[in-house]
Amino acid sequence: MLQALEKLVQFVTVKEAQSKQAYEQFRGAVPGVQLPPWEELPGTAMRTWFAVTHAADQRAEVAEGMANLLRAERDDARKECALLREELARTKRELLMPREPTPMDVASTPAEGSA
C-alpha cells in the first residue's frame, strides 16, 4: 500500500513537471502575449502541495496502522507466551509429583501367591 502511494505521488509529480514544461514552452512560443508564470496559475501549486501532503498523510496513517497491528501481535504473543509458561510449570509440577497407586494399578499387578 505504501509503495502504491509513493508511486502515485511520483506519477503526480512527473505529470506536474511535464505540464509545467509544456506551459513554459507555450509561453516562450508566444512572446507577444503576457501569460503568468506556472506558479501563479490558479490551482497548480495547490494541487502539487495537496498531492504531496495527502500522500504523506496517507503514509503516516498506514504506518500508524501497521504499528498498531504490530503492537496487537506483540501483546497477543506475550499473552500466549505467559499461557505456555503456566502450562509448562503445571506440567513440570505434575511430572514431579509422586504418583499414588490407583485402583487400576493395584488390579493390574499380579496377585501374590498366584503363580
Protein backbone atom coordinates (compact mmCIF):
# COMPACT_ATOMS: atom_id res chain seq x y z
CA MET A 1 0.00 0.00 0.00
CA LEU A 2 2.77 2.40 0.92
CA GLN A 3 4.62 1.65 -2.31
CA ALA A 4 1.47 2.28 -4.33
CA LEU A 5 1.05 5.65 -2.64
CA GLU A 6 4.66 6.57 -3.27
CA LYS A 7 4.27 5.63 -6.94
CA LEU A 8 1.14 7.76 -7.14
CA VAL A 9 2.98 10.75 -5.68
CA GLN A 10 5.83 10.17 -8.10
CA PHE A 11 3.37 9.95 -11.02
CA VAL A 12 1.64 13.18 -10.00
CA THR A 13 5.00 14.92 -9.58
CA VAL A 14 6.18 13.79 -13.02
CA LYS A 15 2.90 14.82 -14.65
CA GLU A 16 3.05 18.18 -12.90
CA ALA A 17 6.63 18.71 -14.12
CA GLN A 18 5.66 17.74 -17.67
CA SER A 19 2.69 20.11 -17.60
CA LYS A 20 4.87 22.92 -16.28
CA GLN A 21 7.44 22.32 -19.02
CA ALA A 22 4.75 22.30 -21.73
CA TYR A 23 3.25 25.51 -20.35
CA GLU A 24 6.63 27.25 -20.21
CA GLN A 25 7.32 26.17 -23.81
CA PHE A 26 3.94 27.59 -24.81
CA ARG A 27 4.74 30.88 -23.01
CA GLY A 28 8.04 31.05 -24.88
CA ALA A 29 6.34 30.35 -28.21
CA VAL A 30 4.02 33.37 -27.86
CA PRO A 31 6.27 36.22 -26.74
CA GLY A 32 3.73 38.95 -27.51
CA VAL A 33 1.19 37.59 -25.04
CA GLN A 34 1.53 38.23 -21.31
CA LEU A 35 0.96 34.86 -19.63
CA PRO A 36 1.57 34.39 -15.90
CA PRO A 37 4.35 32.06 -14.81
CA TRP A 38 3.34 28.50 -13.94
CA GLU A 39 3.49 29.13 -10.21
CA GLU A 40 0.95 31.93 -10.48
CA LEU A 41 -1.64 29.87 -12.33
CA PRO A 42 -4.63 29.16 -10.13
CA GLY A 43 -4.51 25.75 -8.52
CA THR A 44 -1.17 24.43 -9.79
CA ALA A 45 0.88 24.97 -6.66
CA MET A 46 -2.10 23.99 -4.52
CA ARG A 47 -2.58 20.73 -6.46
CA THR A 48 1.08 19.83 -6.05
CA TRP A 49 1.01 20.70 -2.36
CA PHE A 50 -2.22 18.74 -1.85
CA ALA A 51 -0.91 15.68 -3.69
CA VAL A 52 2.30 15.63 -1.68
CA THR A 53 0.71 16.31 1.72
CA HIS A 54 -2.17 13.93 1.05
CA ALA A 55 0.27 11.15 0.18
CA ALA A 56 2.34 11.97 3.27
CA ASP A 57 -0.79 11.86 5.43
CA GLN A 58 -1.76 8.52 3.94
CA ARG A 59 1.74 7.15 4.53
CA ALA A 60 1.54 8.31 8.14
CA GLU A 61 -1.87 6.65 8.57
CA VAL A 62 -0.58 3.42 7.03
CA ALA A 63 2.49 3.50 9.28
CA GLU A 64 0.31 4.13 12.33
CA GLY A 65 -1.99 1.27 11.35
CA MET A 66 0.95 -1.06 10.89
CA ALA A 67 2.38 -0.01 14.25
CA ASN A 68 -0.97 -0.74 15.89
CA LEU A 69 -1.10 -4.17 14.25
CA LEU A 70 2.43 -4.93 15.41
CA ARG A 71 1.54 -3.83 18.95
CA ALA A 72 -1.50 -6.10 18.92
CA GLU A 73 0.59 -9.02 17.65
CA ARG A 74 3.20 -8.31 20.33
CA ASP A 75 0.54 -8.25 23.04
CA ASP A 76 -1.00 -11.48 21.73
CA ALA A 77 2.43 -13.12 21.66
CA ARG A 78 3.07 -12.01 25.26
CA LYS A 79 -0.26 -13.48 26.38
CA GLU A 80 0.40 -16.73 24.54
CA CYS A 81 3.90 -16.92 25.99
CA ALA A 82 2.53 -16.40 29.52
CA LEU A 83 -0.06 -19.15 28.97
CA LEU A 84 2.60 -21.52 27.65
CA ARG A 85 4.83 -20.77 30.65
CA GLU A 86 1.94 -21.52 33.01
CA GLU A 87 1.19 -24.75 31.18
CA LEU A 88 4.86 -25.76 31.27
CA ALA A 89 5.08 -25.05 35.00
CA ARG A 90 1.88 -27.06 35.63
CA THR A 91 3.20 -29.96 33.56
CA LYS A 92 6.53 -29.92 35.43
CA ARG A 93 4.68 -29.97 38.76
CA GLU A 94 2.55 -32.89 37.60
CA LEU A 95 5.60 -34.83 36.42
CA LEU A 96 7.49 -34.23 39.65
CA MET A 97 4.58 -35.18 41.94
CA PRO A 98 4.86 -38.65 43.42
CA ARG A 99 2.16 -40.77 41.91
CA GLU A 100 -0.13 -42.65 44.21
CA PRO A 101 -1.23 -46.06 43.02
CA THR A 102 -4.75 -46.09 41.67
CA PRO A 103 -7.20 -48.99 41.96
CA MET A 104 -6.39 -49.84 38.34
CA ASP A 105 -2.69 -50.09 39.21
CA VAL A 106 -3.49 -52.48 42.07
CA ALA A 107 -5.73 -54.60 39.87
CA SER A 108 -3.14 -54.87 37.14
CA THR A 109 -0.39 -56.20 39.45
CA PRO A 110 -0.28 -59.97 39.75
CA ALA A 111 -1.80 -61.21 42.98
CA GLU A 112 0.58 -62.68 45.47
CA GLY A 113 0.60 -66.43 45.54
CA SER A 114 -0.94 -66.85 42.13
CA ALA A 115 1.90 -68.30 40.31
